[in-house]
Amino acid sequence: MKVALLGGLFNFCGAAIGNLRDKDMKNNLIYKGYRLSAIVRRQSAANASAFTATLMMVPHDSSIASSCGVPAFLKGGTVATPALAVDAAILHGRQLVDQMNRPTVR
């Protein structure tokens, strides 16, 4: 599956195959049994590049994905590069997984 993104093409695993210079840029991570993927969007901004991302979480043993907004972007925030948007989304996903796996105290 290929998705047009930022002037190049990314395949589903996130490897750059288009005209992007950063061949090592990844938009996903496997973390504690969950595949965390960032969907990056370019936002219109006056004189600067502005990017946001949405988080997709898929449990390793399932094909059902859940989409989740990233707090840094929910109130209109943006970042200057797609890599920073990916980092924010993946960090948020790791925090969510850690909260789900936290033992409860009785």
Protein backbone atom coordinates (compact mmCIF):
# COMPACT_ATOMS: atom_id res chain seq x y z
CA MET A 1 0.00 0.00 0.00
CA LYS A 2 1.44 3.36 -0.99
CA VAL A 3 0.38 6.76 0.28
CA ALA A 4 1.36 10.09 -1.25
CA LEU A 5 3.00 12.15 1.47
CA LEU A 6 5.09 15.30 1.39
CA GLY A 7 6.03 15.18 -2.25
CA GLY A 8 7.23 11.57 -2.15
CA LEU A 9 5.77 8.13 -1.68
CA PHE A 10 5.80 6.06 1.49
CA ASN A 11 4.95 2.39 1.59
CA PHE A 12 2.97 1.04 4.54
CA CYS A 13 6.06 0.23 6.60
CA GLY A 14 7.20 3.84 6.32
CA ALA A 15 10.33 3.46 4.17
CA ALA A 16 10.84 6.41 1.87
CA ILE A 17 10.72 5.38 -1.79
CA GLY A 18 10.02 8.67 -3.52
CA ASN A 19 12.00 11.84 -3.91
CA LEU A 20 12.47 12.46 -0.18
CA ARG A 21 16.08 12.72 0.94
CA ASP A 22 15.72 11.02 4.32
CA LYS A 23 15.69 7.34 3.35
CA ASP A 24 15.61 6.25 7.01
CA MET A 25 12.48 8.16 8.03
CA LYS A 26 9.97 5.84 9.73
CA ASN A 27 6.38 6.62 10.59
CA ASN A 28 5.70 3.60 12.80
CA LEU A 29 7.00 1.60 15.75
CA ILE A 30 6.18 -1.73 17.35
CA TYR A 31 5.93 -1.10 21.10
CA LYS A 32 4.86 -3.65 23.72
CA GLY A 33 2.67 -5.57 21.28
CA TYR A 34 1.15 -2.54 19.53
CA ARG A 35 1.94 -1.10 16.12
CA LEU A 36 1.99 2.68 16.48
CA SER A 37 1.75 4.58 13.20
CA ALA A 38 1.74 8.30 12.55
CA ILE A 39 -0.38 9.76 9.75
CA VAL A 40 1.28 13.09 8.89
CA ARG A 41 -0.57 16.02 7.34
CA ARG A 42 0.79 19.27 6.01
CA GLN A 43 -1.16 22.28 7.26
CA SER A 44 -1.47 25.56 5.43
CA ALA A 45 0.58 28.23 7.15
CA ALA A 46 1.42 31.80 6.17
CA ASN A 47 5.19 31.70 5.58
CA ALA A 48 6.36 28.46 7.17
CA SER A 49 5.95 24.73 6.92
CA ALA A 50 3.48 23.35 9.43
CA PHE A 51 2.73 19.68 10.08
CA THR A 52 0.43 17.66 12.33
CA ALA A 53 -0.06 13.94 12.87
CA THR A 54 -2.71 11.48 13.97
CA LEU A 55 -1.88 8.25 15.81
CA MET A 56 -3.08 4.83 14.62
CA MET A 57 -2.80 1.97 17.14
CA VAL A 58 -3.12 -1.69 16.14
CA PRO A 59 -2.67 -4.52 18.66
CA HIS A 60 -0.16 -7.07 17.34
CA ASP A 61 -2.72 -9.89 17.37
CA SER A 62 -5.50 -7.89 15.67
CA SER A 63 -6.20 -6.12 12.42
CA ILE A 64 -8.54 -3.57 14.01
CA ALA A 65 -6.94 -0.16 14.23
CA SER A 66 -7.97 2.74 16.42
CA SER A 67 -7.26 6.33 15.53
CA CYS A 68 -6.30 8.80 18.21
CA GLY A 69 -5.67 12.53 18.19
CA VAL A 70 -2.32 13.77 19.45
CA PRO A 71 -2.71 16.30 22.30
CA ALA A 72 0.00 18.55 20.87
CA PHE A 73 -2.10 19.01 17.72
CA LEU A 74 -5.69 18.85 19.02
CA LYS A 75 -5.75 22.53 19.98
CA GLY A 76 -4.27 23.75 16.70
CA GLY A 77 -0.58 23.24 17.42
CA THR A 78 1.81 22.39 14.59
CA VAL A 79 5.50 21.53 14.19
CA ALA A 80 8.04 22.63 11.58
CA THR A 81 8.97 19.22 10.13
CA PRO A 82 7.22 15.93 9.39
CA ALA A 83 9.78 14.10 11.56
CA LEU A 84 8.74 16.17 14.60
CA ALA A 85 5.07 15.36 13.90
CA VAL A 86 5.89 11.64 13.74
CA ASP A 87 7.89 11.89 16.98
CA ALA A 88 5.00 13.59 18.80
CA ALA A 89 2.48 10.97 17.61
CA ILE A 90 4.69 7.97 18.46
CA LEU A 91 5.54 9.42 21.89
CA HIS A 92 1.83 9.87 22.61
CA GLY A 93 1.20 6.27 21.52
CA ARG A 94 3.92 4.96 23.83
CA GLN A 95 2.39 6.90 26.72
CA LEU A 96 -1.06 5.43 25.98
CA VAL A 97 0.32 1.86 25.82
CA ASP A 98 2.20 2.38 29.09
CA GLN A 99 -1.00 3.61 30.76
CA MET A 100 -2.95 0.58 29.50
CA ASN A 101 -0.28 -1.84 30.76
CA ARG A 102 0.06 -0.20 34.19
CA PRO A 103 -0.98 -2.52 37.01
CA THR A 104 -3.95 -1.40 39.07
CA VAL A 105 -3.59 -0.93 42.82
CA ARG A 106 -6.39 -2.14 45.07
